[in-house]
Amino acid sequence: MTALPHPRPNQRTKPGPGQESCWDYPRPPALEVSSETVEVVLGGQVVARTTRSWRVLETSHPPTYYLPRDAWVDGALREADGSSHCEWKGAASYFDVVGGGGVAPRAAWTYPTPTARFADLAGAVSVMPGQVDHCLVDGEVVVAQAGGFYGGWITSRVVGPFKGEPGTWGW
């Protein structure tokens, strides 16, 4: 049996009512304010909750949610070693997420001094949904973007296919 090729952008999923396609997101990415209820859970404990966040929307990726620093409970973020660089947002630093007796090493990151285009994200924190118990958007459990490199949050609101799956590196 021959494996079917992974869907390419010309085979994208058509959005239904109330949905959006990640293929309609721009490149360079856009920054959008969100009033959705966003929660992060680790060790059975809600370690962050807010109704004031930002979504980064980039072609071929599900949104990445950034929560203001005050959305995180005291002690939930512990500075971690290392850094990385995003061509759009600048230099990132990392946190371990701590909660409910558990630790998710380097599961969260921030841009202390982002580029001008993403200035609103200064100090805001995102998390890899696959490294914590779960993340929720308006009560819906998020599916982590595949691949382990990307931090996208997949909900029923957005359709793909999404970068990160096998065979998508060149998208």
Protein backbone atom coordinates (compact mmCIF):
# COMPACT_ATOMS: atom_id res chain seq x y z
CA MET A 1 0.00 0.00 0.00
CA THR A 2 1.40 3.40 -0.98
CA ALA A 3 1.25 6.16 1.61
CA LEU A 4 -0.66 9.22 0.56
CA PRO A 5 1.41 12.40 0.46
CA HIS A 6 0.86 14.87 3.25
CA PRO A 7 -1.61 17.63 2.27
CA ARG A 8 0.06 20.65 0.71
CA PRO A 9 -1.23 24.21 0.77
CA ASN A 10 -3.30 23.59 -2.39
CA GLN A 11 -5.09 20.80 -0.47
CA ARG A 12 -5.95 22.88 2.56
CA THR A 13 -9.01 22.28 4.67
CA LYS A 14 -11.90 24.59 3.87
CA PRO A 15 -13.01 26.50 6.98
CA GLY A 16 -16.56 25.93 8.19
CA PRO A 17 -18.79 28.46 9.93
CA GLY A 18 -16.90 30.19 12.75
CA GLN A 19 -13.56 28.73 11.63
CA GLU A 20 -10.46 30.27 10.09
CA SER A 21 -7.70 28.72 7.98
CA CYS A 22 -4.07 29.06 9.01
CA TRP A 23 -3.39 29.50 5.28
CA ASP A 24 -5.16 32.87 5.43
CA TYR A 25 -2.76 34.10 8.14
CA PRO A 26 -0.05 36.47 6.87
CA ARG A 27 3.71 36.21 6.63
CA PRO A 28 5.28 38.08 8.33
CA PRO A 29 2.94 37.12 11.17
CA ALA A 30 0.19 39.30 12.58
CA LEU A 31 -0.47 40.04 16.24
CA GLU A 32 -4.09 39.99 17.42
CA VAL A 33 -5.52 40.85 20.83
CA SER A 34 -7.79 38.12 22.23
CA SER A 35 -10.46 38.23 24.94
CA GLU A 36 -10.88 34.44 24.99
CA THR A 37 -10.42 32.72 28.34
CA VAL A 38 -6.99 31.10 28.21
CA GLU A 39 -5.76 28.68 30.88
CA VAL A 40 -2.62 26.62 31.43
CA VAL A 41 -2.73 23.56 33.72
CA LEU A 42 0.23 21.67 35.19
CA GLY A 43 0.17 19.01 37.91
CA GLY A 44 -3.61 19.38 38.02
CA GLN A 45 -3.25 23.05 39.01
CA VAL A 46 -4.26 26.09 36.94
CA VAL A 47 -0.94 27.97 36.72
CA ALA A 48 -2.18 30.74 34.41
CA ARG A 49 -5.57 32.21 33.51
CA THR A 50 -6.52 35.33 31.59
CA THR A 51 -9.13 36.93 29.34
CA ARG A 52 -6.49 39.29 27.93
CA SER A 53 -3.95 37.62 25.65
CA TRP A 54 -2.41 37.90 22.21
CA ARG A 55 -2.48 35.49 19.29
CA VAL A 56 0.43 35.39 16.85
CA LEU A 57 -0.97 34.37 13.46
CA GLU A 58 1.50 33.07 10.87
CA THR A 59 0.87 31.30 7.56
CA SER A 60 0.72 27.50 7.97
CA HIS A 61 0.78 27.60 11.79
CA PRO A 62 -2.00 27.42 14.35
CA PRO A 63 -2.08 30.50 16.61
CA THR A 64 0.41 30.83 19.44
CA TYR A 65 -1.14 32.43 22.53
CA TYR A 66 0.85 34.81 24.74
CA LEU A 67 -0.42 35.57 28.24
CA PRO A 68 0.47 38.67 30.24
CA ARG A 69 2.90 38.02 33.07
CA ASP A 70 0.24 38.80 35.69
CA ALA A 71 -1.90 35.90 34.38
CA TRP A 72 0.58 33.43 35.93
CA VAL A 73 0.28 32.41 39.58
CA ASP A 74 3.18 33.27 41.84
CA GLY A 75 5.97 30.74 41.50
CA ALA A 76 4.64 29.20 38.26
CA LEU A 77 7.50 30.58 36.17
CA ARG A 78 11.13 29.88 37.00
CA GLU A 79 13.88 31.31 34.82
CA ALA A 80 15.63 28.64 32.76
CA ASP A 81 18.92 28.56 30.86
CA GLY A 82 19.15 29.18 27.17
CA SER A 83 17.78 31.49 24.55
CA SER A 84 16.64 31.43 20.95
CA HIS A 85 15.97 33.91 18.19
CA CYS A 86 12.87 34.43 16.05
CA GLU A 87 13.31 36.24 12.77
CA TRP A 88 10.09 38.20 13.47
CA LYS A 89 9.99 38.70 17.24
CA GLY A 90 13.66 38.81 18.28
CA ALA A 91 15.50 37.15 21.19
CA ALA A 92 13.54 34.82 23.48
CA SER A 93 14.35 33.65 27.00
CA TYR A 94 12.87 30.59 28.70
CA PHE A 95 11.08 29.48 31.84
CA ASP A 96 10.40 26.20 33.55
CA VAL A 97 6.69 25.97 34.37
CA VAL A 98 6.03 24.84 37.95
CA GLY A 99 2.68 23.72 39.37
CA GLY A 100 0.91 21.01 41.32
CA GLY A 101 4.22 19.40 42.28
CA GLY A 102 5.29 19.12 38.63
CA VAL A 103 7.92 20.89 36.56
CA ALA A 104 7.85 21.34 32.79
CA PRO A 105 11.43 22.28 31.88
CA ARG A 106 11.84 25.16 29.40
CA ALA A 107 8.17 24.85 28.47
CA ALA A 108 7.51 28.60 28.40
CA TRP A 109 9.20 31.56 26.77
CA THR A 110 9.07 35.32 26.53
CA TYR A 111 10.47 38.13 24.41
CA PRO A 112 11.80 40.67 26.94
CA THR A 113 12.54 43.25 24.20
CA PRO A 114 10.73 42.15 21.04
CA THR A 115 10.98 43.86 17.69
CA ALA A 116 8.84 46.97 17.15
CA ARG A 117 6.19 44.98 15.24
CA PHE A 118 5.66 42.77 18.33
CA ALA A 119 6.27 45.38 21.05
CA ASP A 120 2.97 44.48 22.78
CA LEU A 121 4.42 41.04 23.60
CA ALA A 122 7.20 42.47 25.80
CA GLY A 123 7.23 40.26 28.89
CA ALA A 124 4.19 38.21 27.81
CA VAL A 125 4.66 34.45 28.15
CA SER A 126 3.68 31.54 25.91
CA VAL A 127 3.90 27.84 26.61
CA MET A 128 4.33 24.65 24.59
CA PRO A 129 0.90 23.04 25.07
CA GLY A 130 2.35 19.53 24.74
CA GLN A 131 4.68 20.06 27.71
CA VAL A 132 2.01 20.81 30.32
CA ASP A 133 -1.09 18.83 31.38
CA HIS A 134 -3.17 20.92 29.01
CA CYS A 135 -4.03 24.39 27.80
CA LEU A 136 -7.58 25.59 27.26
CA VAL A 137 -9.12 28.30 25.11
CA ASP A 138 -12.68 29.16 26.13
CA GLY A 139 -12.90 25.77 27.86
CA GLU A 140 -11.69 23.75 24.84
CA VAL A 141 -8.61 21.62 25.39
CA VAL A 142 -5.87 22.63 22.95
CA VAL A 143 -4.03 20.14 20.74
CA ALA A 144 -0.31 20.89 20.51
CA GLN A 145 1.15 21.67 17.11
CA ALA A 146 3.13 18.64 15.94
CA GLY A 147 6.87 18.50 15.65
CA GLY A 148 8.09 19.63 19.07
CA PHE A 149 9.65 22.79 17.61
CA TYR A 150 6.58 24.97 17.17
CA GLY A 151 4.33 26.34 19.91
CA GLY A 152 0.98 26.53 18.10
CA TRP A 153 -2.33 25.93 19.88
CA ILE A 154 -4.84 23.97 17.77
CA THR A 155 -8.54 24.41 18.56
CA SER A 156 -11.67 23.70 16.55
CA ARG A 157 -11.60 27.39 15.54
CA VAL A 158 -8.68 26.91 13.12
CA VAL A 159 -8.08 24.44 10.29
CA GLY A 160 -4.91 23.41 8.46
CA PRO A 161 -3.06 21.42 7.44
CA PHE A 162 -0.45 22.72 9.90
CA LYS A 163 3.30 22.95 9.57
CA GLY A 164 5.08 20.53 11.90
CA GLU A 165 3.61 17.28 10.64
CA PRO A 166 5.97 14.88 8.80
CA GLY A 167 6.74 16.15 5.31
CA THR A 168 5.97 19.81 6.04
CA TRP A 169 9.47 21.17 6.67
CA GLY A 170 9.66 22.88 3.27
CA TRP A 171 6.32 24.67 3.55
